[in-house]
């Protein structure tokens, strides 16, 4: 059984983010307004969406996610 890697949380401005890696595709979404409802981020258009792995990949480390986003100019955390 394949399952996606998923993370969610708040940005410094209190908007929610949602990260998902499934079928080798990494997506990063951000809610348009500050919220505590992650579904506002889930329904948002991706800030980033790219195939970075194989078609059946669904597992990626947080470091792998940060590295992939960093390459596109998106920083998660205080330092890379």
PDB file of N, CA and C in Angstrom:
ATOM      1  N   UNK A   1       0.841  -1.180   0.000  1.00  0.00           N
ATOM      2  CA  UNK A   1       0.000   0.000   0.000  1.00  0.00           C
ATOM      3  C   UNK A   1       0.885   1.242   0.000  1.00  0.00           C
ATOM      4  N   UNK A   2       0.600   2.167  -0.882  1.00  0.00           N
ATOM      5  CA  UNK A   2       1.341   3.416  -0.947  1.00  0.00           C
ATOM      6  C   UNK A   2       0.567   4.494  -0.200  1.00  0.00           C
ATOM      7  N   UNK A   3       1.282   5.286   0.552  1.00  0.00           N
ATOM      8  CA  UNK A   3       0.671   6.393   1.271  1.00  0.00           C
ATOM      9  C   UNK A   3       1.545   7.618   1.081  1.00  0.00           C
ATOM     10  N   UNK A   4       0.934   8.793   0.978  1.00  0.00           N
ATOM     11  CA  UNK A   4       1.740   9.993   0.776  1.00  0.00           C
ATOM     12  C   UNK A   4       2.390  10.473   2.072  1.00  0.00           C
ATOM     13  N   UNK A   5       3.491  11.184   1.924  1.00  0.00           N
ATOM     14  CA  UNK A   5       4.080  11.927   3.028  1.00  0.00           C
ATOM     15  C   UNK A   5       3.379  13.277   3.051  1.00  0.00           C
ATOM     16  N   UNK A   6       2.912  13.699   4.231  1.00  0.00           N
ATOM     17  CA  UNK A   6       2.188  14.953   4.354  1.00  0.00           C
ATOM     18  C   UNK A   6       2.637  15.705   5.595  1.00  0.00           C
ATOM     19  N   UNK A   7       2.752  17.016   5.465  1.00  0.00           N
ATOM     20  CA  UNK A   7       3.052  17.897   6.591  1.00  0.00           C
ATOM     21  C   UNK A   7       2.116  19.080   6.512  1.00  0.00           C
ATOM     22  N   UNK A   8       1.801  19.651   7.660  1.00  0.00           N
ATOM     23  CA  UNK A   8       0.991  20.859   7.715  1.00  0.00           C
ATOM     24  C   UNK A   8       1.448  21.684   8.898  1.00  0.00           C
ATOM     25  N   UNK A   9       1.184  22.973   8.832  1.00  0.00           N
ATOM     26  CA  UNK A   9       1.560  23.854   9.941  1.00  0.00           C
ATOM     27  C   UNK A   9       1.258  25.295   9.604  1.00  0.00           C
ATOM     28  N   UNK A  10       1.758  26.188  10.460  1.00  0.00           N
ATOM     29  CA  UNK A  10       1.548  27.620  10.284  1.00  0.00           C
ATOM     30  C   UNK A  10       2.834  28.294   9.824  1.00  0.00           C
ATOM     31  N   UNK A  11       2.687  29.273   8.944  1.00  0.00           N
ATOM     32  CA  UNK A  11       3.775  30.167   8.588  1.00  0.00           C
ATOM     33  C   UNK A  11       3.842  31.269   9.645  1.00  0.00           C
ATOM     34  N   UNK A  12       4.878  32.082   9.604  1.00  0.00           N
ATOM     35  CA  UNK A  12       5.021  33.159  10.582  1.00  0.00           C
ATOM     36  C   UNK A  12       3.857  34.141  10.546  1.00  0.00           C
ATOM     37  N   UNK A  13       3.220  34.297   9.380  1.00  0.00           N
ATOM     38  CA  UNK A  13       2.083  35.216   9.271  1.00  0.00           C
ATOM     39  C   UNK A  13       0.742  34.544   9.592  1.00  0.00           C
ATOM     40  N   UNK A  14       0.796  33.331  10.149  1.00  0.00           N
ATOM     41  CA  UNK A  14      -0.378  32.572  10.616  1.00  0.00           C
ATOM     42  C   UNK A  14      -1.211  31.938   9.511  1.00  0.00           C
ATOM     43  N   UNK A  15      -0.740  32.000   8.256  1.00  0.00           N
ATOM     44  CA  UNK A  15      -1.406  31.226   7.203  1.00  0.00           C
ATOM     45  C   UNK A  15      -0.993  29.768   7.372  1.00  0.00           C
ATOM     46  N   UNK A  16      -1.863  28.868   6.968  1.00  0.00           N
ATOM     47  CA  UNK A  16      -1.552  27.434   7.037  1.00  0.00           C
ATOM     48  C   UNK A  16      -0.795  27.009   5.789  1.00  0.00           C
ATOM     49  N   UNK A  17       0.128  26.051   5.956  1.00  0.00           N
ATOM     50  CA  UNK A  17       0.744  25.428   4.789  1.00  0.00           C
ATOM     51  C   UNK A  17       0.422  23.946   4.792  1.00  0.00           C
ATOM     52  N   UNK A  18       0.465  23.363   3.617  1.00  0.00           N
ATOM     53  CA  UNK A  18       0.203  21.938   3.439  1.00  0.00           C
ATOM     54  C   UNK A  18       1.196  21.428   2.405  1.00  0.00           C
ATOM     55  N   UNK A  19       1.958  20.422   2.797  1.00  0.00           N
ATOM     56  CA  UNK A  19       2.949  19.803   1.917  1.00  0.00           C
ATOM     57  C   UNK A  19       2.556  18.352   1.724  1.00  0.00           C
ATOM     58  N   UNK A  20       2.607  17.910   0.475  1.00  0.00           N
ATOM     59  CA  UNK A  20       2.255  16.526   0.165  1.00  0.00           C
ATOM     60  C   UNK A  20       3.214  15.986  -0.889  1.00  0.00           C
ATOM     61  N   UNK A  21       3.660  14.751  -0.668  1.00  0.00           N
ATOM     62  CA  UNK A  21       4.503  14.057  -1.637  1.00  0.00           C
ATOM     63  C   UNK A  21       3.828  12.733  -1.953  1.00  0.00           C
ATOM     64  N   UNK A  22       3.359  12.601  -3.187  1.00  0.00           N
ATOM     65  CA  UNK A  22       2.659  11.387  -3.608  1.00  0.00           C
ATOM     66  C   UNK A  22       2.911  11.161  -5.095  1.00  0.00           C
ATOM     67  N   UNK A  23       3.103   9.906  -5.467  1.00  0.00           N
ATOM     68  CA  UNK A  23       3.391   9.531  -6.859  1.00  0.00           C
ATOM     69  C   UNK A  23       4.592  10.302  -7.402  1.00  0.00           C
ATOM     70  N   UNK A  24       5.562  10.597  -6.517  1.00  0.00           N
ATOM     71  CA  UNK A  24       6.775  11.288  -6.931  1.00  0.00           C
ATOM     72  C   UNK A  24       6.610  12.784  -7.117  1.00  0.00           C
ATOM     73  N   UNK A  25       5.417  13.306  -6.820  1.00  0.00           N
ATOM     74  CA  UNK A  25       5.157  14.730  -6.992  1.00  0.00           C
ATOM     75  C   UNK A  25       5.090  15.429  -5.638  1.00  0.00           C
ATOM     76  N   UNK A  26       5.881  16.472  -5.505  1.00  0.00           N
ATOM     77  CA  UNK A  26       5.890  17.280  -4.293  1.00  0.00           C
ATOM     78  C   UNK A  26       5.062  18.532  -4.535  1.00  0.00           C
ATOM     79  N   UNK A  27       4.110  18.800  -3.639  1.00  0.00           N
ATOM     80  CA  UNK A  27       3.325  20.030  -3.747  1.00  0.00           C
ATOM     81  C   UNK A  27       3.365  20.777  -2.421  1.00  0.00           C
ATOM     82  N   UNK A  28       3.375  22.088  -2.526  1.00  0.00           N
ATOM     83  CA  UNK A  28       3.414  22.987  -1.378  1.00  0.00           C
ATOM     84  C   UNK A  28       2.323  24.019  -1.584  1.00  0.00           C
ATOM     85  N   UNK A  29       1.361  24.061  -0.651  1.00  0.00           N
ATOM     86  CA  UNK A  29       0.224  24.970  -0.754  1.00  0.00           C
ATOM     87  C   UNK A  29       0.138  25.828   0.502  1.00  0.00           C
ATOM     88  N   UNK A  30      -0.390  27.040   0.324  1.00  0.00           N
ATOM     89  CA  UNK A  30      -0.514  27.985   1.432  1.00  0.00           C
ATOM     90  C   UNK A  30      -1.907  28.603   1.395  1.00  0.00           C
ATOM     91  N   UNK A  31      -2.544  28.688   2.551  1.00  0.00           N
ATOM     92  CA  UNK A  31      -3.865  29.317   2.622  1.00  0.00           C
ATOM     93  C   UNK A  31      -3.751  30.796   2.248  1.00  0.00           C
ATOM     94  N   UNK A  32      -4.783  31.354   1.638  1.00  0.00           N
ATOM     95  CA  UNK A  32      -4.707  32.757   1.230  1.00  0.00           C
ATOM     96  C   UNK A  32      -4.742  33.743   2.400  1.00  0.00           C
ATOM     97  N   UNK A  33      -5.320  33.336   3.505  1.00  0.00           N
ATOM     98  CA  UNK A  33      -5.471  34.205   4.677  1.00  0.00           C
ATOM     99  C   UNK A  33      -5.041  33.455   5.931  1.00  0.00           C
ATOM    100  N   UNK A  34      -4.716  34.153   7.021  1.00  0.00           N
ATOM    101  CA  UNK A  34      -4.444  33.479   8.296  1.00  0.00           C
ATOM    102  C   UNK A  34      -5.643  32.615   8.694  1.00  0.00           C
ATOM    103  N   UNK A  35      -5.351  31.412   9.191  1.00  0.00           N
ATOM    104  CA  UNK A  35      -6.418  30.471   9.542  1.00  0.00           C
ATOM    105  C   UNK A  35      -5.854  29.359  10.415  1.00  0.00           C
ATOM    106  N   UNK A  36      -6.735  28.619  11.051  1.00  0.00           N
ATOM    107  CA  UNK A  36      -6.368  27.389  11.746  1.00  0.00           C
ATOM    108  C   UNK A  36      -6.916  26.175  11.015  1.00  0.00           C
ATOM    109  N   UNK A  37      -7.556  26.396   9.878  1.00  0.00           N
ATOM    110  CA  UNK A  37      -8.164  25.313   9.104  1.00  0.00           C
ATOM    111  C   UNK A  37      -7.233  24.905   7.969  1.00  0.00           C
ATOM    112  N   UNK A  38      -6.603  23.741   8.109  1.00  0.00           N
ATOM    113  CA  UNK A  38      -5.647  23.291   7.098  1.00  0.00           C
ATOM    114  C   UNK A  38      -6.304  23.107   5.738  1.00  0.00           C
ATOM    115  N   UNK A  39      -7.605  22.872   5.711  1.00  0.00           N
ATOM    116  CA  UNK A  39      -8.280  22.680   4.429  1.00  0.00           C
ATOM    117  C   UNK A  39      -8.285  23.950   3.584  1.00  0.00           C
ATOM    118  N   UNK A  40      -8.087  25.108   4.208  1.00  0.00           N
ATOM    119  CA  UNK A  40      -7.908  26.331   3.425  1.00  0.00           C
ATOM    120  C   UNK A  40      -6.630  26.240   2.595  1.00  0.00           C
ATOM    121  N   UNK A  41      -5.606  25.602   3.135  1.00  0.00           N
ATOM    122  CA  UNK A  41      -4.357  25.389   2.385  1.00  0.00           C
ATOM    123  C   UNK A  41      -4.519  24.237   1.397  1.00  0.00           C
ATOM    124  N   UNK A  42      -5.185  23.171   1.800  1.00  0.00           N
ATOM    125  CA  UNK A  42      -5.382  22.013   0.919  1.00  0.00           C
ATOM    126  C   UNK A  42      -6.095  22.435  -0.361  1.00  0.00           C
ATOM    127  N   UNK A  43      -7.061  23.333  -0.247  1.00  0.00           N
ATOM    128  CA  UNK A  43      -7.852  23.775  -1.406  1.00  0.00           C
ATOM    129  C   UNK A  43      -7.159  24.866  -2.234  1.00  0.00           C
ATOM    130  N   UNK A  44      -6.068  25.422  -1.719  1.00  0.00           N
ATOM    131  CA  UNK A  44      -5.374  26.516  -2.415  1.00  0.00           C
ATOM    132  C   UNK A  44      -4.600  26.002  -3.630  1.00  0.00           C
ATOM    133  N   UNK A  45      -4.302  26.912  -4.536  1.00  0.00           N
ATOM    134  CA  UNK A  45      -3.450  26.582  -5.677  1.00  0.00           C
ATOM    135  C   UNK A  45      -2.020  26.352  -5.163  1.00  0.00           C
ATOM    136  N   UNK A  46      -1.313  25.411  -5.752  1.00  0.00           N
ATOM    137  CA  UNK A  46       0.061  25.152  -5.286  1.00  0.00           C
ATOM    138  C   UNK A  46       0.991  26.342  -5.527  1.00  0.00           C
ATOM    139  N   UNK A  47       1.802  26.632  -4.521  1.00  0.00           N
ATOM    140  CA  UNK A  47       2.896  27.578  -4.670  1.00  0.00           C
ATOM    141  C   UNK A  47       4.014  26.878  -5.453  1.00  0.00           C
ATOM    142  N   UNK A  48       4.114  25.581  -5.220  1.00  0.00           N
ATOM    143  CA  UNK A  48       5.117  24.742  -5.871  1.00  0.00           C
ATOM    144  C   UNK A  48       4.499  23.380  -6.125  1.00  0.00           C
ATOM    145  N   UNK A  49       4.718  22.845  -7.310  1.00  0.00           N
ATOM    146  CA  UNK A  49       4.281  21.475  -7.620  1.00  0.00           C
ATOM    147  C   UNK A  49       5.194  20.955  -8.716  1.00  0.00           C
ATOM    148  N   UNK A  50       5.893  19.856  -8.381  1.00  0.00           N
ATOM    149  CA  UNK A  50       6.850  19.324  -9.351  1.00  0.00           C
ATOM    150  C   UNK A  50       7.085  17.835  -9.113  1.00  0.00           C
ATOM    151  N   UNK A  51       7.259  17.119 -10.192  1.00  0.00           N
ATOM    152  CA  UNK A  51       7.625  15.703 -10.139  1.00  0.00           C
ATOM    153  C   UNK A  51       9.114  15.649  -9.793  1.00  0.00           C
ATOM    154  N   UNK A  52       9.445  15.089  -8.630  1.00  0.00           N
ATOM    155  CA  UNK A  52      10.849  15.020  -8.223  1.00  0.00           C
ATOM    156  C   UNK A  52      11.304  13.585  -7.976  1.00  0.00           C
ATOM    157  N   UNK A  53      10.381  12.634  -8.079  1.00  0.00           N
ATOM    158  CA  UNK A  53      10.716  11.240  -7.831  1.00  0.00           C
ATOM    159  C   UNK A  53      10.066  10.330  -8.853  1.00  0.00           C
ATOM    160  N   UNK A  54      10.109   9.050  -8.561  1.00  0.00           N
ATOM    161  CA  UNK A  54       9.509   8.035  -9.436  1.00  0.00           C
ATOM    162  C   UNK A  54       7.994   8.016  -9.262  1.00  0.00           C
ATOM    163  N   UNK A  55       7.303   7.445 -10.232  1.00  0.00           N
ATOM    164  CA  UNK A  55       5.842   7.457 -10.252  1.00  0.00           C
ATOM    165  C   UNK A  55       5.172   6.879  -9.009  1.00  0.00           C
ATOM    166  N   UNK A  56       5.773   5.904  -8.373  1.00  0.00           N
ATOM    167  CA  UNK A  56       5.139   5.281  -7.212  1.00  0.00           C
ATOM    168  C   UNK A  56       5.718   5.753  -5.884  1.00  0.00           C
ATOM    169  N   UNK A  57       6.624   6.730  -5.908  1.00  0.00           N
ATOM    170  CA  UNK A  57       7.198   7.248  -4.665  1.00  0.00           C
ATOM    171  C   UNK A  57       6.140   7.953  -3.835  1.00  0.00           C
ATOM    172  N   UNK A  58       6.214   7.757  -2.530  1.00  0.00           N
ATOM    173  CA  UNK A  58       5.304   8.435  -1.618  1.00  0.00           C
ATOM    174  C   UNK A  58       5.965   8.783  -0.303  1.00  0.00           C
ATOM    175  N   UNK A  59       7.223   8.365  -0.136  1.00  0.00           N
ATOM    176  CA  UNK A  59       7.936   8.606   1.111  1.00  0.00           C
ATOM    177  C   UNK A  59       9.124   9.516   0.831  1.00  0.00           C
ATOM    178  N   UNK A  60       9.222  10.587   1.607  1.00  0.00           N
ATOM    179  CA  UNK A  60      10.336  11.527   1.505  1.00  0.00           C
ATOM    180  C   UNK A  60      10.577  12.104   2.892  1.00  0.00           C
ATOM    181  N   UNK A  61      11.829  12.354   3.219  1.00  0.00           N
ATOM    182  CA  UNK A  61      12.163  12.932   4.519  1.00  0.00           C
ATOM    183  C   UNK A  61      11.878  14.431   4.516  1.00  0.00           C
ATOM    184  N   UNK A  62      11.768  15.002   5.694  1.00  0.00           N
ATOM    185  CA  UNK A  62      11.586  16.446   5.799  1.00  0.00           C
ATOM    186  C   UNK A  62      12.791  17.164   5.193  1.00  0.00           C
ATOM    187  N   UNK A  63      13.972  16.604   5.374  1.00  0.00           N
ATOM    188  CA  UNK A  63      15.174  17.184   4.767  1.00  0.00           C
ATOM    189  C   UNK A  63      15.071  17.166   3.243  1.00  0.00           C
ATOM    190  N   UNK A  64      14.572  16.069   2.677  1.00  0.00           N
ATOM    191  CA  UNK A  64      14.383  15.980   1.234  1.00  0.00           C
ATOM    192  C   UNK A  64      13.412  17.025   0.724  1.00  0.00           C
ATOM    193  N   UNK A  65      12.343  17.253   1.479  1.00  0.00           N
ATOM    194  CA  UNK A  65      11.366  18.277   1.111  1.00  0.00           C
ATOM    195  C   UNK A  65      12.012  19.653   1.172  1.00  0.00           C
ATOM    196  N   UNK A  66      12.698  19.936   2.280  1.00  0.00           N
ATOM    197  CA  UNK A  66      13.343  21.245   2.430  1.00  0.00           C
ATOM    198  C   UNK A  66      14.354  21.491   1.324  1.00  0.00           C
ATOM    199  N   UNK A  67      15.124  20.473   0.974  1.00  0.00           N
ATOM    200  CA  UNK A  67      16.115  20.619  -0.093  1.00  0.00           C
ATOM    201  C   UNK A  67      15.459  20.903  -1.441  1.00  0.00           C
ATOM    202  N   UNK A  68      14.382  20.185  -1.754  1.00  0.00           N
ATOM    203  CA  UNK A  68      13.686  20.382  -3.031  1.00  0.00           C
ATOM    204  C   UNK A  68      13.078  21.783  -3.109  1.00  0.00           C
ATOM    205  N   UNK A  69      12.481  22.243  -2.012  1.00  0.00           N
ATOM    206  CA  UNK A  69      11.896  23.579  -2.001  1.00  0.00           C
ATOM    207  C   UNK A  69      12.978  24.659  -2.029  1.00  0.00           C
ATOM    208  N   UNK A  70      14.077  24.421  -1.314  1.00  0.00           N
ATOM    209  CA  UNK A  70      15.192  25.371  -1.275  1.00  0.00           C
ATOM    210  C   UNK A  70      15.735  25.628  -2.682  1.00  0.00           C
ATOM    211  N   UNK A  71      15.824  24.576  -3.481  1.00  0.00           N
ATOM    212  CA  UNK A  71      16.312  24.708  -4.859  1.00  0.00           C
ATOM    213  C   UNK A  71      15.420  25.631  -5.682  1.00  0.00           C
ATOM    214  N   UNK A  72      14.162  25.782  -5.280  1.00  0.00           N
ATOM    215  CA  UNK A  72      13.208  26.651  -5.983  1.00  0.00           C
ATOM    216  C   UNK A  72      13.022  27.993  -5.264  1.00  0.00           C
ATOM    217  N   UNK A  73      13.855  28.265  -4.262  1.00  0.00           N
ATOM    218  CA  UNK A  73      13.794  29.541  -3.566  1.00  0.00           C
ATOM    219  C   UNK A  73      12.785  29.621  -2.445  1.00  0.00           C
ATOM    220  N   UNK A  74      12.282  28.471  -1.996  1.00  0.00           N
ATOM    221  CA  UNK A  74      11.307  28.434  -0.891  1.00  0.00           C
ATOM    222  C   UNK A  74      12.024  27.860   0.325  1.00  0.00           C
ATOM    223  N   UNK A  75      12.080  28.640   1.405  1.00  0.00           N
ATOM    224  CA  UNK A  75      12.793  28.207   2.598  1.00  0.00           C
ATOM    225  C   UNK A  75      11.809  27.812   3.693  1.00  0.00           C
ATOM    226  N   UNK A  76      11.993  26.623   4.241  1.00  0.00           N
ATOM    227  CA  UNK A  76      11.239  26.174   5.410  1.00  0.00           C
ATOM    228  C   UNK A  76      12.193  26.159   6.589  1.00  0.00           C
ATOM    229  N   UNK A  77      11.799  26.749   7.673  1.00  0.00           N
ATOM    230  CA  UNK A  77      12.663  26.807   8.839  1.00  0.00           C
ATOM    231  C   UNK A  77      13.460  28.093   8.846  1.00  0.00           C
ATOM    232  N   UNK A  78      14.236  28.271   9.884  1.00  0.00           N
ATOM    233  CA  UNK A  78      14.978  29.516  10.052  1.00  0.00           C
ATOM    234  C   UNK A  78      16.231  29.569   9.193  1.00  0.00           C
ATOM    235  N   UNK A  79      16.868  28.439   8.983  1.00  0.00           N
ATOM    236  CA  UNK A  79      18.097  28.397   8.186  1.00  0.00           C
ATOM    237  C   UNK A  79      18.076  27.143   7.326  1.00  0.00           C
ATOM    238  N   UNK A  80      18.751  27.207   6.226  1.00  0.00           N
ATOM    239  CA  UNK A  80      18.873  26.023   5.360  1.00  0.00           C
ATOM    240  C   UNK A  80      20.196  25.364   5.598  1.00  0.00           C
TER     241      UNK A  80
END
